[in-house]
């Protein structure tokens, strides 16, 4: 479920409030310093006067005016630092204080979303999808091998090991994962384990069912209004550190859906952004269900892990009923 414009606007109101608080805090401190250190206010006024005077010289053709201005401003700045220090204040006392120094609480760095803005977006997405509650229950600390035996257990152990390695090397190694197998064998659980670990390490993870992903991409494509919207979920889908697509194969499929899915996977591959897919389909069924291009993309760019065994959810239900 993507954010609505009103939700996105509420995030920006939060950033505006941060900027306003920062400006007000700075103004309060300036007032304090002017009252306690009158000479500081005089130096501030001198800076304005010097700047105006040197600008006039520059306009009159004095080529040395700019160098003189830089030199004079350096002297005045040093004088201000000295006054603060003598009065017992740190030199940066009047500098703005930001919650996020990277973007100065604007949400953007060089026209790109700052990591703090991305975290706000993802946090709200998680809040409305209830995934945070899910990750409290489904993570590596709650992982159990008790429902697996024999070859099923070997497969599961190998996949768990691969998941831990994926998380450990996530910063340095570009990899994609595909979990396939019948329902209830732990595919979504392991996806959640990875999601929780990476979120806690500060990475941006987006989680979609296959249906929700296609709906989001389709709405963004067809809506003329979306081009003018504050929030474009498609770019976040392409740029998040990890995109998890759960239950691939359950969505309604036609030529358009296949095209959108291929574009999504290809775009993320070009940007070297990791994708994790879980599906109940076998590889042969993936080939038959989708285009040869999608099958080729997955088979060549994804590490594929097949999980086998009985449906754990049914086993857990039977165990509860016996109590």
C-alpha atoms as a PDB file:
ATOM      1  CA  UNK A   1       0.000   0.000   0.000  1.00  0.00           C
ATOM      2  CA  UNK A   2       1.734   3.222  -1.121  1.00  0.00           C
ATOM      3  CA  UNK A   3       1.495   6.472   0.788  1.00  0.00           C
ATOM      4  CA  UNK A   4      -1.202   8.964  -0.080  1.00  0.00           C
ATOM      5  CA  UNK A   5      -0.362  12.578  -0.836  1.00  0.00           C
ATOM      6  CA  UNK A   6      -1.811  13.645   2.510  1.00  0.00           C
ATOM      7  CA  UNK A   7       0.487  11.213   4.322  1.00  0.00           C
ATOM      8  CA  UNK A   8       3.442  12.414   2.306  1.00  0.00           C
ATOM      9  CA  UNK A   9       2.506  16.045   3.065  1.00  0.00           C
ATOM     10  CA  UNK A  10       2.376  15.200   6.777  1.00  0.00           C
ATOM     11  CA  UNK A  11       5.982  13.994   6.572  1.00  0.00           C
ATOM     12  CA  UNK A  12       7.029  17.290   5.030  1.00  0.00           C
ATOM     13  CA  UNK A  13       5.177  19.220   7.719  1.00  0.00           C
ATOM     14  CA  UNK A  14       7.362  17.399  10.204  1.00  0.00           C
ATOM     15  CA  UNK A  15      10.460  18.558   8.324  1.00  0.00           C
ATOM     16  CA  UNK A  16       9.153  22.137   8.204  1.00  0.00           C
ATOM     17  CA  UNK A  17       8.553  22.028  11.945  1.00  0.00           C
ATOM     18  CA  UNK A  18      12.140  20.900  12.451  1.00  0.00           C
ATOM     19  CA  UNK A  19      13.416  23.808  10.354  1.00  0.00           C
ATOM     20  CA  UNK A  20      11.212  26.278  12.239  1.00  0.00           C
ATOM     21  CA  UNK A  21      12.428  24.994  15.592  1.00  0.00           C
ATOM     22  CA  UNK A  22      16.021  25.285  14.419  1.00  0.00           C
ATOM     23  CA  UNK A  23      15.518  28.864  13.214  1.00  0.00           C
ATOM     24  CA  UNK A  24      13.737  29.880  16.415  1.00  0.00           C
ATOM     25  CA  UNK A  25      16.437  28.301  18.572  1.00  0.00           C
ATOM     26  CA  UNK A  26      19.088  30.185  16.604  1.00  0.00           C
ATOM     27  CA  UNK A  27      17.201  33.502  16.918  1.00  0.00           C
ATOM     28  CA  UNK A  28      16.801  32.992  20.668  1.00  0.00           C
ATOM     29  CA  UNK A  29      20.526  32.400  21.033  1.00  0.00           C
ATOM     30  CA  UNK A  30      21.397  35.449  18.925  1.00  0.00           C
ATOM     31  CA  UNK A  31      19.176  37.588  21.166  1.00  0.00           C
ATOM     32  CA  UNK A  32      20.889  36.111  24.217  1.00  0.00           C
ATOM     33  CA  UNK A  33      24.365  36.836  22.857  1.00  0.00           C
ATOM     34  CA  UNK A  34      23.476  40.396  21.842  1.00  0.00           C
ATOM     35  CA  UNK A  35      22.275  41.059  25.403  1.00  0.00           C
ATOM     36  CA  UNK A  36      25.289  39.509  27.112  1.00  0.00           C
ATOM     37  CA  UNK A  37      27.968  40.537  24.591  1.00  0.00           C
ATOM     38  CA  UNK A  38      27.092  43.954  23.105  1.00  0.00           C
ATOM     39  CA  UNK A  39      30.349  44.003  21.127  1.00  0.00           C
ATOM     40  CA  UNK A  40      29.192  40.905  19.260  1.00  0.00           C
ATOM     41  CA  UNK A  41      26.175  42.776  17.861  1.00  0.00           C
ATOM     42  CA  UNK A  42      28.451  45.604  16.746  1.00  0.00           C
ATOM     43  CA  UNK A  43      30.670  43.155  14.865  1.00  0.00           C
ATOM     44  CA  UNK A  44      27.600  41.662  13.172  1.00  0.00           C
ATOM     45  CA  UNK A  45      26.560  45.129  12.016  1.00  0.00           C
ATOM     46  CA  UNK A  46      30.121  45.754  10.822  1.00  0.00           C
ATOM     47  CA  UNK A  47      29.937  42.695   8.618  1.00  0.00           C
ATOM     48  CA  UNK A  48      26.867  44.110   6.875  1.00  0.00           C
ATOM     49  CA  UNK A  49      28.488  47.519   6.442  1.00  0.00           C
ATOM     50  CA  UNK A  50      31.734  46.073   5.104  1.00  0.00           C
ATOM     51  CA  UNK A  51      29.875  43.850   2.652  1.00  0.00           C
ATOM     52  CA  UNK A  52      27.879  46.797   1.261  1.00  0.00           C
ATOM     53  CA  UNK A  53      30.944  49.032   1.014  1.00  0.00           C
ATOM     54  CA  UNK A  54      33.059  46.449  -0.797  1.00  0.00           C
ATOM     55  CA  UNK A  55      30.175  45.620  -3.156  1.00  0.00           C
ATOM     56  CA  UNK A  56      30.045  49.288  -4.197  1.00  0.00           C
ATOM     57  CA  UNK A  57      33.784  49.267  -4.850  1.00  0.00           C
ATOM     58  CA  UNK A  58      33.409  46.129  -6.954  1.00  0.00           C
ATOM     59  CA  UNK A  59      30.665  47.742  -9.016  1.00  0.00           C
ATOM     60  CA  UNK A  60      32.896  50.804  -9.501  1.00  0.00           C
ATOM     61  CA  UNK A  61      35.543  48.587 -11.068  1.00  0.00           C
ATOM     62  CA  UNK A  62      37.873  48.054  -8.104  1.00  0.00           C
ATOM     63  CA  UNK A  63      39.222  44.555  -8.838  1.00  0.00           C
ATOM     64  CA  UNK A  64      40.812  44.265  -5.414  1.00  0.00           C
ATOM     65  CA  UNK A  65      37.504  44.755  -3.593  1.00  0.00           C
ATOM     66  CA  UNK A  66      36.595  41.066  -3.523  1.00  0.00           C
ATOM     67  CA  UNK A  67      39.894  39.979  -1.974  1.00  0.00           C
ATOM     68  CA  UNK A  68      39.642  42.797   0.539  1.00  0.00           C
ATOM     69  CA  UNK A  69      36.114  41.678   1.419  1.00  0.00           C
ATOM     70  CA  UNK A  70      37.199  38.079   2.029  1.00  0.00           C
ATOM     71  CA  UNK A  71      40.088  39.231   4.199  1.00  0.00           C
ATOM     72  CA  UNK A  72      37.951  41.623   6.233  1.00  0.00           C
ATOM     73  CA  UNK A  73      35.174  39.057   6.733  1.00  0.00           C
ATOM     74  CA  UNK A  74      37.703  36.510   7.991  1.00  0.00           C
ATOM     75  CA  UNK A  75      38.980  39.050  10.527  1.00  0.00           C
ATOM     76  CA  UNK A  76      35.470  39.860  11.729  1.00  0.00           C
ATOM     77  CA  UNK A  77      34.514  36.169  11.971  1.00  0.00           C
ATOM     78  CA  UNK A  78      37.599  35.500  14.052  1.00  0.00           C
ATOM     79  CA  UNK A  79      36.689  38.443  16.258  1.00  0.00           C
ATOM     80  CA  UNK A  80      33.212  36.950  16.821  1.00  0.00           C
ATOM     81  CA  UNK A  81      34.680  33.577  17.756  1.00  0.00           C
ATOM     82  CA  UNK A  82      37.023  35.264  20.229  1.00  0.00           C
ATOM     83  CA  UNK A  83      34.157  37.187  21.848  1.00  0.00           C
ATOM     84  CA  UNK A  84      32.114  34.010  22.275  1.00  0.00           C
ATOM     85  CA  UNK A  85      35.061  32.117  23.714  1.00  0.00           C
ATOM     86  CA  UNK A  86      35.880  34.850  26.224  1.00  0.00           C
ATOM     87  CA  UNK A  87      32.267  34.867  27.400  1.00  0.00           C
ATOM     88  CA  UNK A  88      32.377  31.113  27.960  1.00  0.00           C
ATOM     89  CA  UNK A  89      30.373  30.046  24.896  1.00  0.00           C
ATOM     90  CA  UNK A  90      31.426  27.424  22.344  1.00  0.00           C
ATOM     91  CA  UNK A  91      32.469  28.860  18.982  1.00  0.00           C
ATOM     92  CA  UNK A  92      29.566  27.170  17.188  1.00  0.00           C
ATOM     93  CA  UNK A  93      26.929  28.343  19.707  1.00  0.00           C
ATOM     94  CA  UNK A  94      25.069  30.380  17.077  1.00  0.00           C
ATOM     95  CA  UNK A  95      25.272  27.818  14.309  1.00  0.00           C
ATOM     96  CA  UNK A  96      21.942  26.181  13.305  1.00  0.00           C
ATOM     97  CA  UNK A  97      21.280  22.791  14.896  1.00  0.00           C
ATOM     98  CA  UNK A  98      19.616  20.221  12.654  1.00  0.00           C
ATOM     99  CA  UNK A  99      18.065  16.854  13.373  1.00  0.00           C
ATOM    100  CA  UNK A 100      19.733  15.731  10.124  1.00  0.00           C
ATOM    101  CA  UNK A 101      22.919  17.688   9.266  1.00  0.00           C
ATOM    102  CA  UNK A 102      23.093  15.984   5.857  1.00  0.00           C
ATOM    103  CA  UNK A 103      20.010  17.678   4.408  1.00  0.00           C
ATOM    104  CA  UNK A 104      19.638  20.427   7.040  1.00  0.00           C
ATOM    105  CA  UNK A 105      16.127  19.114   7.686  1.00  0.00           C
ATOM    106  CA  UNK A 106      14.940  19.761   4.141  1.00  0.00           C
ATOM    107  CA  UNK A 107      14.627  16.063   3.248  1.00  0.00           C
ATOM    108  CA  UNK A 108      16.787  16.421   0.148  1.00  0.00           C
ATOM    109  CA  UNK A 109      20.485  16.390  -0.711  1.00  0.00           C
ATOM    110  CA  UNK A 110      21.324  17.557  -4.253  1.00  0.00           C
ATOM    111  CA  UNK A 111      17.715  17.006  -5.361  1.00  0.00           C
ATOM    112  CA  UNK A 112      17.803  13.408  -4.085  1.00  0.00           C
ATOM    113  CA  UNK A 113      15.802  12.122  -1.128  1.00  0.00           C
ATOM    114  CA  UNK A 114      17.922  12.186   2.001  1.00  0.00           C
ATOM    115  CA  UNK A 115      18.234   8.968   3.988  1.00  0.00           C
ATOM    116  CA  UNK A 116      16.238  10.585   6.820  1.00  0.00           C
ATOM    117  CA  UNK A 117      13.305  11.272   4.467  1.00  0.00           C
ATOM    118  CA  UNK A 118      13.459   7.726   3.137  1.00  0.00           C
ATOM    119  CA  UNK A 119      13.349   6.401   6.693  1.00  0.00           C
ATOM    120  CA  UNK A 120      10.261   8.487   7.435  1.00  0.00           C
ATOM    121  CA  UNK A 121       8.526   7.156   4.316  1.00  0.00           C
ATOM    122  CA  UNK A 122       9.403   3.539   5.039  1.00  0.00           C
ATOM    123  CA  UNK A 123       8.452   3.917   8.703  1.00  0.00           C
ATOM    124  CA  UNK A 124       4.987   5.117   7.713  1.00  0.00           C
ATOM    125  CA  UNK A 125       4.663   2.319   5.174  1.00  0.00           C
ATOM    126  CA  UNK A 126       5.509  -0.210   7.876  1.00  0.00           C
ATOM    127  CA  UNK A 127       3.105   1.411  10.303  1.00  0.00           C
ATOM    128  CA  UNK A 128       0.157   1.100   7.939  1.00  0.00           C
ATOM    129  CA  UNK A 129       1.091  -2.409   6.792  1.00  0.00           C
ATOM    130  CA  UNK A 130       1.613  -3.701  10.372  1.00  0.00           C
ATOM    131  CA  UNK A 131       4.890  -5.284   9.267  1.00  0.00           C
ATOM    132  CA  UNK A 132       6.712  -4.075  12.390  1.00  0.00           C
ATOM    133  CA  UNK A 133       4.497  -6.310  14.526  1.00  0.00           C
ATOM    134  CA  UNK A 134       5.134  -9.212  12.165  1.00  0.00           C
ATOM    135  CA  UNK A 135       8.910  -8.747  12.356  1.00  0.00           C
ATOM    136  CA  UNK A 136       8.770  -8.920  16.145  1.00  0.00           C
ATOM    137  CA  UNK A 137       7.468 -12.468  15.794  1.00  0.00           C
ATOM    138  CA  UNK A 138       9.289 -13.598  12.659  1.00  0.00           C
ATOM    139  CA  UNK A 139      13.044 -13.094  12.869  1.00  0.00           C
ATOM    140  CA  UNK A 140      16.242 -15.044  13.323  1.00  0.00           C
ATOM    141  CA  UNK A 141      15.824 -15.118  17.118  1.00  0.00           C
ATOM    142  CA  UNK A 142      12.485 -16.946  16.812  1.00  0.00           C
ATOM    143  CA  UNK A 143      13.602 -19.242  13.987  1.00  0.00           C
ATOM    144  CA  UNK A 144      13.095 -22.968  14.656  1.00  0.00           C
ATOM    145  CA  UNK A 145      14.159 -26.149  12.886  1.00  0.00           C
ATOM    146  CA  UNK A 146      11.663 -28.392  14.667  1.00  0.00           C
ATOM    147  CA  UNK A 147       9.279 -28.748  11.719  1.00  0.00           C
ATOM    148  CA  UNK A 148      11.948 -30.058   9.323  1.00  0.00           C
ATOM    149  CA  UNK A 149      13.517 -33.493   8.990  1.00  0.00           C
ATOM    150  CA  UNK A 150      15.883 -35.258   6.617  1.00  0.00           C
ATOM    151  CA  UNK A 151      16.488 -33.578   3.278  1.00  0.00           C
ATOM    152  CA  UNK A 152      13.942 -30.868   4.110  1.00  0.00           C
ATOM    153  CA  UNK A 153      16.012 -29.934   7.161  1.00  0.00           C
ATOM    154  CA  UNK A 154      19.234 -29.868   5.126  1.00  0.00           C
ATOM    155  CA  UNK A 155      17.648 -27.538   2.574  1.00  0.00           C
ATOM    156  CA  UNK A 156      16.298 -25.252   5.269  1.00  0.00           C
ATOM    157  CA  UNK A 157      19.610 -25.079   7.152  1.00  0.00           C
ATOM    158  CA  UNK A 158      21.456 -24.243   3.916  1.00  0.00           C
ATOM    159  CA  UNK A 159      18.941 -21.502   3.106  1.00  0.00           C
ATOM    160  CA  UNK A 160      19.141 -20.017   6.605  1.00  0.00           C
ATOM    161  CA  UNK A 161      22.930 -19.937   6.263  1.00  0.00           C
ATOM    162  CA  UNK A 162      22.585 -18.184   2.897  1.00  0.00           C
ATOM    163  CA  UNK A 163      20.210 -15.639   4.453  1.00  0.00           C
ATOM    164  CA  UNK A 164      22.646 -14.811   7.229  1.00  0.00           C
ATOM    165  CA  UNK A 165      25.458 -14.448   4.706  1.00  0.00           C
ATOM    166  CA  UNK A 166      23.234 -12.229   2.533  1.00  0.00           C
ATOM    167  CA  UNK A 167      22.655  -9.909   5.494  1.00  0.00           C
ATOM    168  CA  UNK A 168      26.283  -9.939   6.616  1.00  0.00           C
ATOM    169  CA  UNK A 169      27.644  -8.987   3.177  1.00  0.00           C
ATOM    170  CA  UNK A 170      24.763  -6.766   2.111  1.00  0.00           C
ATOM    171  CA  UNK A 171      26.802  -3.547   2.068  1.00  0.00           C
ATOM    172  CA  UNK A 172      29.571  -4.982  -0.075  1.00  0.00           C
ATOM    173  CA  UNK A 173      27.961  -7.579  -2.328  1.00  0.00           C
ATOM    174  CA  UNK A 174      25.108  -7.171  -4.794  1.00  0.00           C
ATOM    175  CA  UNK A 175      22.921 -10.282  -4.721  1.00  0.00           C
ATOM    176  CA  UNK A 176      19.309 -11.231  -5.390  1.00  0.00           C
ATOM    177  CA  UNK A 177      17.455 -14.152  -3.816  1.00  0.00           C
ATOM    178  CA  UNK A 178      14.572 -16.338  -4.931  1.00  0.00           C
ATOM    179  CA  UNK A 179      12.834 -18.630  -2.432  1.00  0.00           C
ATOM    180  CA  UNK A 180      10.591 -21.197  -4.083  1.00  0.00           C
ATOM    181  CA  UNK A 181       8.580 -24.087  -2.672  1.00  0.00           C
ATOM    182  CA  UNK A 182       5.115 -25.161  -1.665  1.00  0.00           C
ATOM    183  CA  UNK A 183       3.048 -23.043   0.767  1.00  0.00           C
ATOM    184  CA  UNK A 184       4.003 -23.000   4.434  1.00  0.00           C
ATOM    185  CA  UNK A 185       7.628 -24.153   4.190  1.00  0.00           C
ATOM    186  CA  UNK A 186       9.173 -20.931   5.572  1.00  0.00           C
ATOM    187  CA  UNK A 187       9.758 -18.691   2.547  1.00  0.00           C
ATOM    188  CA  UNK A 188       7.997 -15.617   3.929  1.00  0.00           C
ATOM    189  CA  UNK A 189       9.422 -16.244   7.392  1.00  0.00           C
ATOM    190  CA  UNK A 190      12.995 -16.126   6.051  1.00  0.00           C
ATOM    191  CA  UNK A 191      12.169 -13.002   4.031  1.00  0.00           C
ATOM    192  CA  UNK A 192      11.026 -11.379   7.273  1.00  0.00           C
ATOM    193  CA  UNK A 193      14.213 -12.466   9.042  1.00  0.00           C
ATOM    194  CA  UNK A 194      16.282 -10.693   6.406  1.00  0.00           C
ATOM    195  CA  UNK A 195      14.032  -7.628   6.443  1.00  0.00           C
ATOM    196  CA  UNK A 196      14.309  -7.187  10.212  1.00  0.00           C
ATOM    197  CA  UNK A 197      18.105  -7.506  10.234  1.00  0.00           C
ATOM    198  CA  UNK A 198      18.605  -5.006   7.427  1.00  0.00           C
ATOM    199  CA  UNK A 199      16.089  -2.503   8.813  1.00  0.00           C
ATOM    200  CA  UNK A 200      17.888  -2.565  12.156  1.00  0.00           C
ATOM    201  CA  UNK A 201      21.158  -1.868  10.322  1.00  0.00           C
ATOM    202  CA  UNK A 202      19.653   1.224   8.744  1.00  0.00           C
ATOM    203  CA  UNK A 203      18.907  -0.096   5.263  1.00  0.00           C
ATOM    204  CA  UNK A 204      15.703   0.818   3.457  1.00  0.00           C
ATOM    205  CA  UNK A 205      13.530  -2.229   2.854  1.00  0.00           C
ATOM    206  CA  UNK A 206      10.206  -2.212   1.015  1.00  0.00           C
ATOM    207  CA  UNK A 207       7.902  -5.208   1.327  1.00  0.00           C
ATOM    208  CA  UNK A 208       5.114  -5.896  -1.179  1.00  0.00           C
ATOM    209  CA  UNK A 209       2.932  -8.831  -1.994  1.00  0.00           C
ATOM    210  CA  UNK A 210       3.085  -9.456  -5.734  1.00  0.00           C
ATOM    211  CA  UNK A 211      -0.486  -8.161  -6.027  1.00  0.00           C
ATOM    212  CA  UNK A 212       0.275  -4.941  -4.148  1.00  0.00           C
ATOM    213  CA  UNK A 213       3.440  -4.328  -6.152  1.00  0.00           C
ATOM    214  CA  UNK A 214       1.669  -4.639  -9.504  1.00  0.00           C
ATOM    215  CA  UNK A 215      -1.227  -2.483  -8.273  1.00  0.00           C
ATOM    216  CA  UNK A 216       1.192   0.223  -7.131  1.00  0.00           C
ATOM    217  CA  UNK A 217       3.196   0.210 -10.358  1.00  0.00           C
ATOM    218  CA  UNK A 218       0.016   0.200 -12.435  1.00  0.00           C
ATOM    219  CA  UNK A 219      -1.597   3.075 -10.551  1.00  0.00           C
ATOM    220  CA  UNK A 220       1.556   5.135 -10.879  1.00  0.00           C
ATOM    221  CA  UNK A 221       1.721   4.403 -14.618  1.00  0.00           C
ATOM    222  CA  UNK A 222      -1.900   5.072 -15.513  1.00  0.00           C
ATOM    223  CA  UNK A 223      -2.616   8.053 -13.297  1.00  0.00           C
ATOM    224  CA  UNK A 224      -1.999  11.342 -15.060  1.00  0.00           C
ATOM    225  CA  UNK A 225      -2.299  13.028 -11.681  1.00  0.00           C
ATOM    226  CA  UNK A 226       0.575  10.940 -10.346  1.00  0.00           C
ATOM    227  CA  UNK A 227       3.016  12.953 -12.428  1.00  0.00           C
ATOM    228  CA  UNK A 228       2.113  15.995 -10.361  1.00  0.00           C
ATOM    229  CA  UNK A 229       1.907  14.173  -7.041  1.00  0.00           C
ATOM    230  CA  UNK A 230       4.309  14.893  -4.220  1.00  0.00           C
ATOM    231  CA  UNK A 231       5.023  11.220  -3.786  1.00  0.00           C
ATOM    232  CA  UNK A 232       6.008   8.809  -6.535  1.00  0.00           C
ATOM    233  CA  UNK A 233       6.164   5.288  -5.079  1.00  0.00           C
ATOM    234  CA  UNK A 234       7.712   3.907  -8.268  1.00  0.00           C
ATOM    235  CA  UNK A 235      11.025   5.642  -7.614  1.00  0.00           C
ATOM    236  CA  UNK A 236      11.135   4.310  -4.064  1.00  0.00           C
ATOM    237  CA  UNK A 237      10.449   0.824  -5.412  1.00  0.00           C
ATOM    238  CA  UNK A 238      13.381   1.208  -7.800  1.00  0.00           C
ATOM    239  CA  UNK A 239      15.748   2.813  -5.292  1.00  0.00           C
ATOM    240  CA  UNK A 240      15.171   1.109  -1.923  1.00  0.00           C
ATOM    241  CA  UNK A 241      18.081  -0.988  -0.678  1.00  0.00           C
ATOM    242  CA  UNK A 242      16.038  -4.192  -0.692  1.00  0.00           C
ATOM    243  CA  UNK A 243      12.715  -4.878  -2.404  1.00  0.00           C
ATOM    244  CA  UNK A 244      10.869  -7.959  -1.141  1.00  0.00           C
ATOM    245  CA  UNK A 245       8.207  -9.383  -3.454  1.00  0.00           C
ATOM    246  CA  UNK A 246       6.160 -11.982  -1.623  1.00  0.00           C
ATOM    247  CA  UNK A 247       3.972 -14.666  -3.243  1.00  0.00           C
ATOM    248  CA  UNK A 248       4.951 -14.053  -6.834  1.00  0.00           C
ATOM    249  CA  UNK A 249       2.479 -15.917  -9.023  1.00  0.00           C
ATOM    250  CA  UNK A 250      -0.647 -15.086  -7.034  1.00  0.00           C
ATOM    251  CA  UNK A 251      -1.275 -11.848  -8.924  1.00  0.00           C
ATOM    252  CA  UNK A 252      -3.502 -11.586 -11.979  1.00  0.00           C
ATOM    253  CA  UNK A 253      -1.213 -11.927 -14.978  1.00  0.00           C
ATOM    254  CA  UNK A 254      -1.465 -10.477 -18.454  1.00  0.00           C
ATOM    255  CA  UNK A 255       0.931  -8.933 -20.964  1.00  0.00           C
ATOM    256  CA  UNK A 256       0.871  -5.578 -19.199  1.00  0.00           C
ATOM    257  CA  UNK A 257       1.564  -7.071 -15.764  1.00  0.00           C
ATOM    258  CA  UNK A 258       4.447  -9.111 -17.149  1.00  0.00           C
ATOM    259  CA  UNK A 259       5.862  -6.010 -18.795  1.00  0.00           C
ATOM    260  CA  UNK A 260       5.679  -3.974 -15.570  1.00  0.00           C
ATOM    261  CA  UNK A 261       7.255  -6.761 -13.556  1.00  0.00           C
ATOM    262  CA  UNK A 262      10.098  -7.156 -16.031  1.00  0.00           C
ATOM    263  CA  UNK A 263      10.706  -3.395 -16.047  1.00  0.00           C
ATOM    264  CA  UNK A 264      10.836  -3.365 -12.254  1.00  0.00           C
ATOM    265  CA  UNK A 265      13.300  -6.249 -11.999  1.00  0.00           C
ATOM    266  CA  UNK A 266      15.451  -4.860 -14.816  1.00  0.00           C
ATOM    267  CA  UNK A 267      15.531  -1.350 -13.402  1.00  0.00           C
ATOM    268  CA  UNK A 268      16.615  -2.586 -10.005  1.00  0.00           C
ATOM    269  CA  UNK A 269      19.259  -4.798 -11.602  1.00  0.00           C
ATOM    270  CA  UNK A 270      20.629  -1.826 -13.546  1.00  0.00           C
ATOM    271  CA  UNK A 271      20.806   0.178 -10.332  1.00  0.00           C
ATOM    272  CA  UNK A 272      22.330  -2.842  -8.536  1.00  0.00           C
ATOM    273  CA  UNK A 273      19.612  -2.806  -5.905  1.00  0.00           C
ATOM    274  CA  UNK A 274      18.909  -6.151  -4.251  1.00  0.00           C
ATOM    275  CA  UNK A 275      15.583  -7.926  -4.721  1.00  0.00           C
ATOM    276  CA  UNK A 276      14.189 -10.897  -2.803  1.00  0.00           C
ATOM    277  CA  UNK A 277      11.336 -12.901  -4.339  1.00  0.00           C
ATOM    278  CA  UNK A 278       9.326 -15.696  -2.768  1.00  0.00           C
ATOM    279  CA  UNK A 279       6.987 -17.868  -4.802  1.00  0.00           C
ATOM    280  CA  UNK A 280       4.990 -21.077  -4.586  1.00  0.00           C
ATOM    281  CA  UNK A 281       5.810 -21.716  -8.243  1.00  0.00           C
ATOM    282  CA  UNK A 282       8.501 -24.077  -9.404  1.00  0.00           C
ATOM    283  CA  UNK A 283      11.113 -22.738 -11.838  1.00  0.00           C
ATOM    284  CA  UNK A 284       9.320 -24.485 -14.682  1.00  0.00           C
ATOM    285  CA  UNK A 285       6.062 -22.855 -13.626  1.00  0.00           C
ATOM    286  CA  UNK A 286       7.790 -19.465 -13.470  1.00  0.00           C
ATOM    287  CA  UNK A 287       8.914 -19.983 -17.055  1.00  0.00           C
ATOM    288  CA  UNK A 288       5.395 -20.942 -18.160  1.00  0.00           C
ATOM    289  CA  UNK A 289       3.613 -18.304 -16.079  1.00  0.00           C
ATOM    290  CA  UNK A 290       5.758 -15.370 -17.172  1.00  0.00           C
ATOM    291  CA  UNK A 291       7.807 -14.426 -20.211  1.00  0.00           C
ATOM    292  CA  UNK A 292      11.086 -16.004 -21.195  1.00  0.00           C
ATOM    293  CA  UNK A 293      12.700 -12.639 -20.435  1.00  0.00           C
ATOM    294  CA  UNK A 294      11.573 -12.708 -16.793  1.00  0.00           C
ATOM    295  CA  UNK A 295      12.649 -16.316 -16.399  1.00  0.00           C
ATOM    296  CA  UNK A 296      16.032 -15.489 -17.898  1.00  0.00           C
ATOM    297  CA  UNK A 297      16.431 -12.464 -15.641  1.00  0.00           C
ATOM    298  CA  UNK A 298      15.662 -14.497 -12.523  1.00  0.00           C
ATOM    299  CA  UNK A 299      17.629 -17.623 -13.443  1.00  0.00           C
ATOM    300  CA  UNK A 300      20.747 -15.636 -14.343  1.00  0.00           C
ATOM    301  CA  UNK A 301      20.725 -12.945 -11.638  1.00  0.00           C
ATOM    302  CA  UNK A 302      19.194 -14.642  -8.591  1.00  0.00           C
ATOM    303  CA  UNK A 303      20.508 -17.174  -6.121  1.00  0.00           C
ATOM    304  CA  UNK A 304      17.716 -19.742  -6.047  1.00  0.00           C
ATOM    305  CA  UNK A 305      16.786 -21.729  -2.932  1.00  0.00           C
ATOM    306  CA  UNK A 306      14.109 -24.401  -2.966  1.00  0.00           C
ATOM    307  CA  UNK A 307      12.446 -25.141   0.357  1.00  0.00           C
ATOM    308  CA  UNK A 308      10.575 -28.388   0.900  1.00  0.00           C
ATOM    309  CA  UNK A 309       8.544 -29.980   3.651  1.00  0.00           C
ATOM    310  CA  UNK A 310       5.077 -30.033   5.139  1.00  0.00           C
ATOM    311  CA  UNK A 311       2.975 -26.900   5.672  1.00  0.00           C
ATOM    312  CA  UNK A 312       4.252 -25.483   8.973  1.00  0.00           C
ATOM    313  CA  UNK A 313       1.120 -23.413   9.502  1.00  0.00           C
ATOM    314  CA  UNK A 314      -1.022 -26.552   9.364  1.00  0.00           C
ATOM    315  CA  UNK A 315       1.359 -28.375  11.701  1.00  0.00           C
ATOM    316  CA  UNK A 316       1.211 -25.500  14.194  1.00  0.00           C
ATOM    317  CA  UNK A 317      -2.588 -25.412  13.986  1.00  0.00           C
ATOM    318  CA  UNK A 318      -2.823 -29.140  14.669  1.00  0.00           C
ATOM    319  CA  UNK A 319      -0.463 -28.750  17.628  1.00  0.00           C
ATOM    320  CA  UNK A 320      -2.617 -25.979  19.092  1.00  0.00           C
ATOM    321  CA  UNK A 321      -5.777 -28.038  18.646  1.00  0.00           C
ATOM    322  CA  UNK A 322      -4.233 -30.947  20.547  1.00  0.00           C
ATOM    323  CA  UNK A 323      -3.626 -28.763  23.594  1.00  0.00           C
END
